[in-house]
C-alpha cells in the first residue's frame, strides 16, 4: 500500500509539472474564476444577491476543472500518445486517476484561496461558515467533477467530442445552479435536475459560505454528491483506457 501511495504521489508531481508547462491552460484556469468574480460583482448579479457571487464562482471553478481544464488536458495527452507510455508500464488506471485527482484538486484549492483573497480585499466579503467544512465541501465537489470528467473520457474520444460533451454538461450545470429556478420546472424535470451533481455542489458551497445552519437538506445534498463520486469513480476505474 505504501508503494502504491508513493507511485501516486510521484505521478501527481509529474503531472503537475506537465500542467505548469502548459501556460495557456494555467492562465485560463486562473483568469476564468477571477473574470467571473469581477463580472458578477459589477454587472451580472443584482445588488441584493451579490453576496452569492463568490460561492457561485467557486462552484463554476470546480465544474470547469473537471469538465474542461482536466478533461481537455487528458484528451490532448491521449491524442499526443502520452498515455500510451503509461499503458506500456505496469501502472494501473486507478493510480493515474488518483494522481490526476490529487494534482487538480490542489490547483482548485490554490485558485479558490486567490478568489477568497480577492473577495476579501476588493469587496470586503469573507467566509461566514466553518473553514474546515468549506474545505471539505470543495474537496468533495472537485473530486466528483473530476470523476465525471474521467467517466466521460472512458467512453468519448477526440478533443472535439470531449469538448462538445463538456460544454453541454457545463451549460446544464450553469442553468441548474441559479440561472433557472428549479421550482418553475415540471416536477419530474425538477427532480432530475436536483439530483444531478451540479445543484448539490452549488447549494453546499453557498450554505457553508453564508454560514447558514447545516440541516437535513445540506446532508441530503452531501449524500447525493457522495453517491455520484462513488458511482463515477467505479465507472472511470472500470472503463477508462489509455487510448480509445
C-alpha atoms as a PDB file:
ATOM      1  CA  UNK A   1       0.000   0.000   0.000  1.00  0.00           C
ATOM      2  CA  UNK A   2       2.812   2.384   0.852  1.00  0.00           C
ATOM      3  CA  UNK A   3       4.399   1.695  -2.531  1.00  0.00           C
ATOM      4  CA  UNK A   4       1.105   2.401  -4.288  1.00  0.00           C
ATOM      5  CA  UNK A   5       0.746   5.723  -2.494  1.00  0.00           C
ATOM      6  CA  UNK A   6       4.339   6.615  -3.368  1.00  0.00           C
ATOM      7  CA  UNK A   7       3.645   5.914  -7.051  1.00  0.00           C
ATOM      8  CA  UNK A   8       0.508   8.049  -6.939  1.00  0.00           C
ATOM      9  CA  UNK A   9       2.446  10.901  -5.329  1.00  0.00           C
ATOM     10  CA  UNK A  10       5.283  10.725  -7.847  1.00  0.00           C
ATOM     11  CA  UNK A  11       2.861  10.628 -10.763  1.00  0.00           C
ATOM     12  CA  UNK A  12       0.933  13.595  -9.307  1.00  0.00           C
ATOM     13  CA  UNK A  13       4.179  15.598  -9.170  1.00  0.00           C
ATOM     14  CA  UNK A  14       4.969  14.611 -12.768  1.00  0.00           C
ATOM     15  CA  UNK A  15       1.510  15.608 -13.971  1.00  0.00           C
ATOM     16  CA  UNK A  16       1.674  18.886 -12.052  1.00  0.00           C
ATOM     17  CA  UNK A  17       4.952  19.774 -13.774  1.00  0.00           C
ATOM     18  CA  UNK A  18       3.409  18.939 -17.136  1.00  0.00           C
ATOM     19  CA  UNK A  19       0.379  21.102 -16.327  1.00  0.00           C
ATOM     20  CA  UNK A  20       2.516  24.052 -15.250  1.00  0.00           C
ATOM     21  CA  UNK A  21       4.363  23.895 -18.579  1.00  0.00           C
ATOM     22  CA  UNK A  22       1.059  24.477 -20.378  1.00  0.00           C
ATOM     23  CA  UNK A  23       0.902  28.209 -19.686  1.00  0.00           C
ATOM     24  CA  UNK A  24      -2.287  28.788 -21.673  1.00  0.00           C
ATOM     25  CA  UNK A  25      -4.258  26.261 -19.597  1.00  0.00           C
ATOM     26  CA  UNK A  26      -2.782  27.630 -16.379  1.00  0.00           C
ATOM     27  CA  UNK A  27      -3.602  31.229 -17.251  1.00  0.00           C
ATOM     28  CA  UNK A  28      -7.135  30.270 -18.283  1.00  0.00           C
ATOM     29  CA  UNK A  29      -7.645  28.311 -15.047  1.00  0.00           C
ATOM     30  CA  UNK A  30      -6.795  31.482 -13.110  1.00  0.00           C
ATOM     31  CA  UNK A  31      -8.476  34.081 -15.330  1.00  0.00           C
ATOM     32  CA  UNK A  32     -11.798  32.227 -15.657  1.00  0.00           C
ATOM     33  CA  UNK A  33     -12.850  32.448 -11.976  1.00  0.00           C
ATOM     34  CA  UNK A  34     -11.338  35.899 -11.470  1.00  0.00           C
ATOM     35  CA  UNK A  35     -13.118  37.226 -14.563  1.00  0.00           C
ATOM     36  CA  UNK A  36     -16.406  35.717 -13.446  1.00  0.00           C
ATOM     37  CA  UNK A  37     -15.960  37.143  -9.946  1.00  0.00           C
ATOM     38  CA  UNK A  38     -15.474  40.720 -11.145  1.00  0.00           C
ATOM     39  CA  UNK A  39     -18.131  40.492 -13.878  1.00  0.00           C
ATOM     40  CA  UNK A  40     -20.651  39.031 -11.450  1.00  0.00           C
ATOM     41  CA  UNK A  41     -19.974  41.700  -8.841  1.00  0.00           C
ATOM     42  CA  UNK A  42     -20.026  44.624 -11.249  1.00  0.00           C
ATOM     43  CA  UNK A  43     -22.697  43.689 -13.773  1.00  0.00           C
ATOM     44  CA  UNK A  44     -24.479  40.338 -13.624  1.00  0.00           C
ATOM     45  CA  UNK A  45     -25.757  39.835 -10.089  1.00  0.00           C
ATOM     46  CA  UNK A  46     -28.442  42.201  -8.680  1.00  0.00           C
ATOM     47  CA  UNK A  47     -27.400  44.227  -5.669  1.00  0.00           C
ATOM     48  CA  UNK A  48     -29.374  42.113  -3.205  1.00  0.00           C
ATOM     49  CA  UNK A  49     -27.713  38.794  -4.103  1.00  0.00           C
ATOM     50  CA  UNK A  50     -24.141  39.845  -4.828  1.00  0.00           C
ATOM     51  CA  UNK A  51     -23.027  38.057  -1.686  1.00  0.00           C
ATOM     52  CA  UNK A  52     -23.530  34.814  -3.619  1.00  0.00           C
ATOM     53  CA  UNK A  53     -21.047  35.726  -6.362  1.00  0.00           C
ATOM     54  CA  UNK A  54     -18.033  34.232  -4.562  1.00  0.00           C
ATOM     55  CA  UNK A  55     -19.611  30.809  -3.789  1.00  0.00           C
ATOM     56  CA  UNK A  56     -21.051  30.733  -7.323  1.00  0.00           C
ATOM     57  CA  UNK A  57     -17.597  31.485  -8.752  1.00  0.00           C
ATOM     58  CA  UNK A  58     -16.097  28.631  -6.739  1.00  0.00           C
ATOM     59  CA  UNK A  59     -18.889  26.290  -7.887  1.00  0.00           C
ATOM     60  CA  UNK A  60     -18.172  27.077 -11.534  1.00  0.00           C
ATOM     61  CA  UNK A  61     -14.447  26.655 -10.891  1.00  0.00           C
ATOM     62  CA  UNK A  62     -14.957  23.076  -9.679  1.00  0.00           C
ATOM     63  CA  UNK A  63     -17.244  22.330 -12.633  1.00  0.00           C
ATOM     64  CA  UNK A  64     -14.859  23.806 -15.202  1.00  0.00           C
ATOM     65  CA  UNK A  65     -11.879  21.993 -13.672  1.00  0.00           C
ATOM     66  CA  UNK A  66     -13.470  18.577 -14.093  1.00  0.00           C
ATOM     67  CA  UNK A  67     -15.107  19.171 -17.466  1.00  0.00           C
ATOM     68  CA  UNK A  68     -12.709  21.494 -19.309  1.00  0.00           C
ATOM     69  CA  UNK A  69      -9.319  22.087 -17.698  1.00  0.00           C
ATOM     70  CA  UNK A  70      -8.945  18.417 -16.800  1.00  0.00           C
ATOM     71  CA  UNK A  71     -10.970  16.625 -19.464  1.00  0.00           C
ATOM     72  CA  UNK A  72      -9.441  18.513 -22.372  1.00  0.00           C
ATOM     73  CA  UNK A  73      -5.965  18.181 -20.897  1.00  0.00           C
ATOM     74  CA  UNK A  74      -6.169  14.394 -20.627  1.00  0.00           C
ATOM     75  CA  UNK A  75      -7.723  14.177 -24.100  1.00  0.00           C
ATOM     76  CA  UNK A  76      -4.830  16.175 -25.553  1.00  0.00           C
ATOM     77  CA  UNK A  77      -2.334  13.926 -23.762  1.00  0.00           C
ATOM     78  CA  UNK A  78      -4.140  10.872 -25.132  1.00  0.00           C
ATOM     79  CA  UNK A  79      -4.143  12.267 -28.687  1.00  0.00           C
ATOM     80  CA  UNK A  80      -0.395  13.016 -28.477  1.00  0.00           C
ATOM     81  CA  UNK A  81       0.279   9.445 -27.408  1.00  0.00           C
ATOM     82  CA  UNK A  82       1.497  10.418 -23.948  1.00  0.00           C
ATOM     83  CA  UNK A  83      -0.821   7.948 -22.244  1.00  0.00           C
ATOM     84  CA  UNK A  84       0.487   5.097 -24.389  1.00  0.00           C
ATOM     85  CA  UNK A  85       3.686   5.236 -22.388  1.00  0.00           C
ATOM     86  CA  UNK A  86       1.619   4.520 -19.271  1.00  0.00           C
ATOM     87  CA  UNK A  87      -0.125   1.617 -20.996  1.00  0.00           C
ATOM     88  CA  UNK A  88       3.272   0.030 -21.685  1.00  0.00           C
ATOM     89  CA  UNK A  89       4.113   0.268 -17.977  1.00  0.00           C
ATOM     90  CA  UNK A  90       2.621  -1.701 -15.059  1.00  0.00           C
ATOM     91  CA  UNK A  91       0.814   1.469 -13.922  1.00  0.00           C
ATOM     92  CA  UNK A  92      -2.814   0.763 -13.071  1.00  0.00           C
ATOM     93  CA  UNK A  93      -5.555   3.178 -14.226  1.00  0.00           C
ATOM     94  CA  UNK A  94      -6.736   3.855 -10.663  1.00  0.00           C
ATOM     95  CA  UNK A  95      -3.298   5.239  -9.765  1.00  0.00           C
ATOM     96  CA  UNK A  96      -3.409   7.620 -12.721  1.00  0.00           C
ATOM     97  CA  UNK A  97      -6.944   8.669 -11.749  1.00  0.00           C
ATOM     98  CA  UNK A  98      -5.856   9.237  -8.132  1.00  0.00           C
ATOM     99  CA  UNK A  99      -2.776  11.231  -9.177  1.00  0.00           C
ATOM    100  CA  UNK A 100      -4.770  13.455 -11.512  1.00  0.00           C
ATOM    101  CA  UNK A 101      -7.403  13.998  -8.819  1.00  0.00           C
ATOM    102  CA  UNK A 102      -4.723  14.971  -6.295  1.00  0.00           C
ATOM    103  CA  UNK A 103      -2.964  17.335  -8.663  1.00  0.00           C
ATOM    104  CA  UNK A 104      -6.105  19.116  -9.988  1.00  0.00           C
ATOM    105  CA  UNK A 105      -7.627  19.365  -6.518  1.00  0.00           C
ATOM    106  CA  UNK A 106      -4.517  21.177  -5.327  1.00  0.00           C
ATOM    107  CA  UNK A 107      -4.871  23.645  -8.208  1.00  0.00           C
ATOM    108  CA  UNK A 108      -8.542  24.221  -7.332  1.00  0.00           C
ATOM    109  CA  UNK A 109      -7.626  24.911  -3.705  1.00  0.00           C
ATOM    110  CA  UNK A 110      -4.931  27.399  -4.712  1.00  0.00           C
ATOM    111  CA  UNK A 111      -7.231  29.257  -7.117  1.00  0.00           C
ATOM    112  CA  UNK A 112     -10.019  29.181  -4.509  1.00  0.00           C
ATOM    113  CA  UNK A 113      -7.687  30.837  -1.998  1.00  0.00           C
ATOM    114  CA  UNK A 114      -6.935  33.508  -4.609  1.00  0.00           C
ATOM    115  CA  UNK A 115     -10.664  34.105  -5.169  1.00  0.00           C
ATOM    116  CA  UNK A 116     -11.265  34.348  -1.407  1.00  0.00           C
ATOM    117  CA  UNK A 117      -8.419  36.831  -1.001  1.00  0.00           C
ATOM    118  CA  UNK A 118      -9.739  38.988  -3.834  1.00  0.00           C
ATOM    119  CA  UNK A 119     -13.241  38.842  -2.389  1.00  0.00           C
ATOM    120  CA  UNK A 120     -11.925  39.952   0.995  1.00  0.00           C
ATOM    121  CA  UNK A 121      -9.578  42.683  -0.245  1.00  0.00           C
ATOM    122  CA  UNK A 122     -11.650  44.134  -3.092  1.00  0.00           C
ATOM    123  CA  UNK A 123     -15.206  43.618  -1.830  1.00  0.00           C
ATOM    124  CA  UNK A 124     -14.765  43.146   1.903  1.00  0.00           C
ATOM    125  CA  UNK A 125     -16.537  39.774   1.915  1.00  0.00           C
ATOM    126  CA  UNK A 126     -15.280  36.723   3.772  1.00  0.00           C
ATOM    127  CA  UNK A 127     -16.306  33.202   4.667  1.00  0.00           C
ATOM    128  CA  UNK A 128     -19.040  33.195   7.315  1.00  0.00           C
ATOM    129  CA  UNK A 129     -19.067  29.430   7.883  1.00  0.00           C
ATOM    130  CA  UNK A 130     -16.576  26.869   9.160  1.00  0.00           C
ATOM    131  CA  UNK A 131     -13.322  26.893   7.117  1.00  0.00           C
ATOM    132  CA  UNK A 132     -12.804  23.143   7.630  1.00  0.00           C
ATOM    133  CA  UNK A 133     -16.333  22.353   6.448  1.00  0.00           C
ATOM    134  CA  UNK A 134     -15.860  24.699   3.481  1.00  0.00           C
ATOM    135  CA  UNK A 135     -12.601  22.956   2.526  1.00  0.00           C
ATOM    136  CA  UNK A 136     -14.315  19.577   2.816  1.00  0.00           C
ATOM    137  CA  UNK A 137     -17.122  20.652   0.501  1.00  0.00           C
ATOM    138  CA  UNK A 138     -14.625  21.981  -2.059  1.00  0.00           C
ATOM    139  CA  UNK A 139     -12.677  18.707  -1.864  1.00  0.00           C
ATOM    140  CA  UNK A 140     -15.780  16.559  -2.360  1.00  0.00           C
ATOM    141  CA  UNK A 141     -17.112  18.790  -5.153  1.00  0.00           C
ATOM    142  CA  UNK A 142     -13.820  18.824  -7.042  1.00  0.00           C
ATOM    143  CA  UNK A 143     -13.344  15.067  -6.706  1.00  0.00           C
ATOM    144  CA  UNK A 144     -16.892  14.488  -8.008  1.00  0.00           C
ATOM    145  CA  UNK A 145     -16.357  16.720 -11.042  1.00  0.00           C
ATOM    146  CA  UNK A 146     -13.009  15.068 -11.797  1.00  0.00           C
ATOM    147  CA  UNK A 147     -14.690  11.655 -11.564  1.00  0.00           C
ATOM    148  CA  UNK A 148     -17.298  12.912 -14.038  1.00  0.00           C
ATOM    149  CA  UNK A 149     -14.506  14.040 -16.353  1.00  0.00           C
ATOM    150  CA  UNK A 150     -12.845  10.622 -16.154  1.00  0.00           C
ATOM    151  CA  UNK A 151     -16.168   8.857 -16.779  1.00  0.00           C
ATOM    152  CA  UNK A 152     -16.607  10.926 -19.958  1.00  0.00           C
ATOM    153  CA  UNK A 153     -13.086  10.076 -21.066  1.00  0.00           C
ATOM    154  CA  UNK A 154     -13.849   6.379 -20.619  1.00  0.00           C
ATOM    155  CA  UNK A 155     -16.352   6.469 -23.482  1.00  0.00           C
ATOM    156  CA  UNK A 156     -15.615   9.533 -25.617  1.00  0.00           C
ATOM    157  CA  UNK A 157     -12.563  10.048 -27.800  1.00  0.00           C
ATOM    158  CA  UNK A 158     -11.279  13.094 -29.626  1.00  0.00           C
ATOM    159  CA  UNK A 159     -10.794  16.645 -28.446  1.00  0.00           C
ATOM    160  CA  UNK A 160     -13.864  17.925 -30.289  1.00  0.00           C
ATOM    161  CA  UNK A 161     -16.179  15.223 -28.938  1.00  0.00           C
ATOM    162  CA  UNK A 162     -14.986  15.672 -25.366  1.00  0.00           C
ATOM    163  CA  UNK A 163     -15.222  19.456 -25.696  1.00  0.00           C
ATOM    164  CA  UNK A 164     -18.788  19.212 -27.006  1.00  0.00           C
ATOM    165  CA  UNK A 165     -19.923  16.873 -24.227  1.00  0.00           C
ATOM    166  CA  UNK A 166     -18.187  19.033 -21.593  1.00  0.00           C
ATOM    167  CA  UNK A 167     -19.869  22.181 -22.942  1.00  0.00           C
ATOM    168  CA  UNK A 168     -23.328  20.597 -22.807  1.00  0.00           C
ATOM    169  CA  UNK A 169     -22.801  19.398 -19.239  1.00  0.00           C
ATOM    170  CA  UNK A 170     -21.329  22.719 -18.130  1.00  0.00           C
ATOM    171  CA  UNK A 171     -24.266  24.656 -19.579  1.00  0.00           C
ATOM    172  CA  UNK A 172     -26.637  22.242 -17.852  1.00  0.00           C
ATOM    173  CA  UNK A 173     -24.794  22.859 -14.598  1.00  0.00           C
ATOM    174  CA  UNK A 174     -24.759  26.613 -15.270  1.00  0.00           C
ATOM    175  CA  UNK A 175     -28.537  26.631 -15.630  1.00  0.00           C
ATOM    176  CA  UNK A 176     -29.256  24.462 -12.598  1.00  0.00           C
ATOM    177  CA  UNK A 177     -27.060  26.456 -10.206  1.00  0.00           C
ATOM    178  CA  UNK A 178     -29.156  29.615 -10.133  1.00  0.00           C
ATOM    179  CA  UNK A 179     -29.958  30.673 -13.701  1.00  0.00           C
ATOM    180  CA  UNK A 180     -33.185  28.650 -13.680  1.00  0.00           C
ATOM    181  CA  UNK A 181     -35.442  28.403 -10.639  1.00  0.00           C
ATOM    182  CA  UNK A 182     -35.996  24.652 -10.403  1.00  0.00           C
ATOM    183  CA  UNK A 183     -39.386  25.132  -8.744  1.00  0.00           C
ATOM    184  CA  UNK A 184     -40.729  26.530 -12.029  1.00  0.00           C
ATOM    185  CA  UNK A 185     -39.879  23.346 -13.930  1.00  0.00           C
ATOM    186  CA  UNK A 186     -42.195  20.327 -14.312  1.00  0.00           C
ATOM    187  CA  UNK A 187     -41.990  18.054 -11.279  1.00  0.00           C
ATOM    188  CA  UNK A 188     -40.092  15.201 -12.948  1.00  0.00           C
ATOM    189  CA  UNK A 189     -37.587  17.508 -14.639  1.00  0.00           C
ATOM    190  CA  UNK A 190     -37.060  19.452 -11.413  1.00  0.00           C
ATOM    191  CA  UNK A 191     -36.373  16.213  -9.507  1.00  0.00           C
ATOM    192  CA  UNK A 192     -33.833  15.097 -12.110  1.00  0.00           C
ATOM    193  CA  UNK A 193     -32.065  18.460 -12.042  1.00  0.00           C
ATOM    194  CA  UNK A 194     -31.891  18.463  -8.247  1.00  0.00           C
ATOM    195  CA  UNK A 195     -30.239  15.041  -8.234  1.00  0.00           C
ATOM    196  CA  UNK A 196     -27.561  15.830 -10.795  1.00  0.00           C
ATOM    197  CA  UNK A 197     -24.249  16.719  -9.077  1.00  0.00           C
ATOM    198  CA  UNK A 198     -24.266  20.392 -10.115  1.00  0.00           C
ATOM    199  CA  UNK A 199     -27.158  21.594  -7.954  1.00  0.00           C
ATOM    200  CA  UNK A 200     -25.929  19.923  -4.732  1.00  0.00           C
ATOM    201  CA  UNK A 201     -22.459  21.417  -5.260  1.00  0.00           C
ATOM    202  CA  UNK A 202     -23.827  24.945  -5.566  1.00  0.00           C
ATOM    203  CA  UNK A 203     -26.098  24.503  -2.556  1.00  0.00           C
ATOM    204  CA  UNK A 204     -23.437  23.035  -0.261  1.00  0.00           C
ATOM    205  CA  UNK A 205     -20.868  25.693  -1.166  1.00  0.00           C
ATOM    206  CA  UNK A 206     -23.405  28.511  -0.659  1.00  0.00           C
ATOM    207  CA  UNK A 207     -24.680  27.137   2.677  1.00  0.00           C
ATOM    208  CA  UNK A 208     -21.208  26.961   4.220  1.00  0.00           C
ATOM    209  CA  UNK A 209     -20.065  30.261   2.675  1.00  0.00           C
ATOM    210  CA  UNK A 210     -23.052  32.190   4.011  1.00  0.00           C
ATOM    211  CA  UNK A 211     -22.898  30.495   7.418  1.00  0.00           C
ATOM    212  CA  UNK A 212     -26.413  29.071   7.134  1.00  0.00           C
ATOM    213  CA  UNK A 213     -27.395  26.260   9.535  1.00  0.00           C
ATOM    214  CA  UNK A 214     -26.272  22.807   8.459  1.00  0.00           C
ATOM    215  CA  UNK A 215     -29.575  20.946   8.350  1.00  0.00           C
ATOM    216  CA  UNK A 216     -31.110  17.856   6.785  1.00  0.00           C
ATOM    217  CA  UNK A 217     -31.169  19.472   3.338  1.00  0.00           C
ATOM    218  CA  UNK A 218     -27.414  20.067   3.461  1.00  0.00           C
ATOM    219  CA  UNK A 219     -26.718  16.450   4.388  1.00  0.00           C
ATOM    220  CA  UNK A 220     -29.030  15.269   1.618  1.00  0.00           C
ATOM    221  CA  UNK A 221     -27.051  17.309  -0.916  1.00  0.00           C
ATOM    222  CA  UNK A 222     -23.831  15.904   0.509  1.00  0.00           C
ATOM    223  CA  UNK A 223     -25.171  12.339   0.239  1.00  0.00           C
ATOM    224  CA  UNK A 224     -26.116  12.908  -3.416  1.00  0.00           C
ATOM    225  CA  UNK A 225     -22.605  14.174  -4.134  1.00  0.00           C
ATOM    226  CA  UNK A 226     -21.058  11.211  -2.344  1.00  0.00           C
ATOM    227  CA  UNK A 227     -23.199   8.823  -4.379  1.00  0.00           C
ATOM    228  CA  UNK A 228     -22.144  10.462  -7.634  1.00  0.00           C
ATOM    229  CA  UNK A 229     -18.490  10.352  -6.589  1.00  0.00           C
ATOM    230  CA  UNK A 230     -18.575   6.634  -5.798  1.00  0.00           C
ATOM    231  CA  UNK A 231     -20.555   5.715  -8.906  1.00  0.00           C
ATOM    232  CA  UNK A 232     -18.497   7.817 -11.333  1.00  0.00           C
ATOM    233  CA  UNK A 233     -15.235   6.621  -9.771  1.00  0.00           C
ATOM    234  CA  UNK A 234     -16.258   2.976 -10.256  1.00  0.00           C
ATOM    235  CA  UNK A 235     -17.200   3.683 -13.886  1.00  0.00           C
ATOM    236  CA  UNK A 236     -13.928   5.519 -14.536  1.00  0.00           C
ATOM    237  CA  UNK A 237     -11.804   2.812 -12.915  1.00  0.00           C
ATOM    238  CA  UNK A 238     -13.624   0.035 -14.793  1.00  0.00           C
ATOM    239  CA  UNK A 239     -13.760   1.511 -18.281  1.00  0.00           C
ATOM    240  CA  UNK A 240     -11.023   4.147 -18.517  1.00  0.00           C
ATOM    241  CA  UNK A 241      -8.474   3.271 -21.202  1.00  0.00           C
ATOM    242  CA  UNK A 242      -5.106   4.805 -22.014  1.00  0.00           C
ATOM    243  CA  UNK A 243      -6.310   5.208 -25.569  1.00  0.00           C
ATOM    244  CA  UNK A 244      -9.559   4.527 -27.408  1.00  0.00           C
END
